């Protein structure tokens, strides 16, 4: 998974590479370094 550190806080949806179910990803960067990551299964 590629993450873009140009935005400090990001939330987006991506399909799981293994099961293809949608996952909501939330990431936080500080000075270009990843300091927070959360992945939540949003399958209905």
N, C-alpha and C. Protein backbone atom coordinates (compact mmCIF):
# COMPACT_ATOMS: atom_id res chain seq x y z
N UNK A 1 0.84 -1.16 0.00
CA UNK A 1 0.00 0.00 0.00
C UNK A 1 0.90 1.23 0.00
N UNK A 2 0.61 2.14 -0.88
CA UNK A 2 1.36 3.39 -0.96
C UNK A 2 0.58 4.49 -0.27
N UNK A 3 1.26 5.24 0.58
CA UNK A 3 0.66 6.35 1.30
C UNK A 3 1.36 7.64 0.90
N UNK A 4 0.59 8.71 0.78
CA UNK A 4 1.12 10.01 0.38
C UNK A 4 1.26 10.91 1.60
N UNK A 5 2.48 11.23 2.03
CA UNK A 5 2.68 12.05 3.23
C UNK A 5 2.49 13.55 3.01
N UNK A 6 2.04 13.97 1.81
CA UNK A 6 1.90 15.40 1.54
C UNK A 6 0.72 16.02 2.32
N UNK A 7 -0.26 15.23 2.73
CA UNK A 7 -1.38 15.69 3.56
C UNK A 7 -1.22 15.08 4.94
N UNK A 8 -1.35 15.89 5.99
CA UNK A 8 -1.10 15.39 7.34
C UNK A 8 -2.17 14.42 7.83
N UNK A 9 -3.43 14.62 7.44
CA UNK A 9 -4.51 13.70 7.85
C UNK A 9 -5.29 13.29 6.60
N UNK A 10 -5.50 11.98 6.47
CA UNK A 10 -6.20 11.46 5.31
C UNK A 10 -7.12 10.32 5.72
N UNK A 11 -8.27 10.23 5.06
CA UNK A 11 -9.17 9.10 5.22
C UNK A 11 -9.67 8.74 3.83
N UNK A 12 -9.58 7.47 3.48
CA UNK A 12 -10.06 7.03 2.19
C UNK A 12 -10.43 5.56 2.25
N UNK A 13 -11.10 5.06 1.19
CA UNK A 13 -11.53 3.68 1.13
C UNK A 13 -10.74 2.98 0.03
N UNK A 14 -10.28 1.78 0.35
CA UNK A 14 -9.51 0.97 -0.59
C UNK A 14 -9.94 -0.48 -0.42
N UNK A 15 -9.92 -1.23 -1.52
CA UNK A 15 -10.26 -2.65 -1.43
C UNK A 15 -9.08 -3.44 -0.87
N UNK A 16 -9.38 -4.40 0.00
CA UNK A 16 -8.36 -5.28 0.58
C UNK A 16 -7.70 -6.08 -0.55
N UNK A 17 -6.38 -6.17 -0.54
CA UNK A 17 -5.65 -6.91 -1.55
C UNK A 17 -5.86 -8.41 -1.44
N UNK A 18 -6.31 -8.89 -0.29
CA UNK A 18 -6.50 -10.33 -0.07
C UNK A 18 -7.93 -10.75 -0.36
N UNK A 19 -8.91 -10.08 0.30
CA UNK A 19 -10.31 -10.52 0.19
C UNK A 19 -11.19 -9.60 -0.66
N UNK A 20 -10.66 -8.49 -1.11
CA UNK A 20 -11.37 -7.51 -1.97
C UNK A 20 -12.51 -6.77 -1.27
N UNK A 21 -12.66 -6.92 0.04
CA UNK A 21 -13.67 -6.16 0.78
C UNK A 21 -13.18 -4.73 0.99
N UNK A 22 -14.09 -3.75 1.04
CA UNK A 22 -13.68 -2.36 1.24
C UNK A 22 -13.18 -2.11 2.67
N UNK A 23 -12.13 -1.32 2.76
CA UNK A 23 -11.53 -0.96 4.05
C UNK A 23 -11.39 0.55 4.09
N UNK A 24 -11.82 1.15 5.21
CA UNK A 24 -11.62 2.58 5.41
C UNK A 24 -10.28 2.78 6.10
N UNK A 25 -9.41 3.53 5.48
CA UNK A 25 -8.07 3.79 6.01
C UNK A 25 -7.99 5.23 6.50
N UNK A 26 -7.44 5.40 7.68
CA UNK A 26 -7.18 6.74 8.23
C UNK A 26 -5.71 6.78 8.62
N UNK A 27 -5.01 7.78 8.09
CA UNK A 27 -3.58 7.91 8.38
C UNK A 27 -3.26 9.33 8.83
N UNK A 28 -2.25 9.45 9.67
CA UNK A 28 -1.79 10.75 10.15
C UNK A 28 -0.27 10.81 9.99
N UNK A 29 0.19 11.89 9.38
CA UNK A 29 1.62 12.12 9.20
C UNK A 29 2.03 13.37 9.98
N UNK A 30 3.26 13.39 10.45
CA UNK A 30 3.84 14.58 11.06
C UNK A 30 5.26 14.71 10.52
N UNK A 31 5.55 15.84 9.90
CA UNK A 31 6.85 16.08 9.27
C UNK A 31 7.23 14.95 8.32
N UNK A 32 6.24 14.46 7.54
CA UNK A 32 6.50 13.41 6.57
C UNK A 32 6.64 12.01 7.13
N UNK A 33 6.45 11.85 8.45
CA UNK A 33 6.58 10.55 9.09
C UNK A 33 5.21 10.05 9.54
N UNK A 34 4.91 8.80 9.25
CA UNK A 34 3.64 8.20 9.64
C UNK A 34 3.59 8.04 11.15
N UNK A 35 2.59 8.67 11.80
CA UNK A 35 2.48 8.56 13.26
C UNK A 35 1.17 7.91 13.70
N UNK A 36 0.23 7.72 12.75
CA UNK A 36 -1.02 7.08 13.10
C UNK A 36 -1.61 6.36 11.90
N UNK A 37 -2.18 5.17 12.14
CA UNK A 37 -2.76 4.37 11.07
C UNK A 37 -3.91 3.56 11.64
N UNK A 38 -5.06 3.58 10.97
CA UNK A 38 -6.20 2.76 11.37
C UNK A 38 -6.86 2.21 10.12
N UNK A 39 -7.20 0.92 10.14
CA UNK A 39 -7.90 0.28 9.05
C UNK A 39 -9.15 -0.38 9.61
N UNK A 40 -10.32 -0.05 9.02
CA UNK A 40 -11.60 -0.58 9.49
C UNK A 40 -12.33 -1.23 8.33
N UNK A 41 -12.76 -2.48 8.52
CA UNK A 41 -13.55 -3.20 7.53
C UNK A 41 -14.93 -2.55 7.46
N UNK A 42 -15.33 -2.11 6.28
CA UNK A 42 -16.65 -1.46 6.15
C UNK A 42 -17.60 -2.31 5.31
N UNK A 43 -17.32 -3.60 5.22
CA UNK A 43 -18.22 -4.50 4.47
C UNK A 43 -19.59 -4.49 5.13
N UNK A 44 -20.61 -4.44 4.30
CA UNK A 44 -21.98 -4.37 4.83
C UNK A 44 -22.64 -5.71 4.85
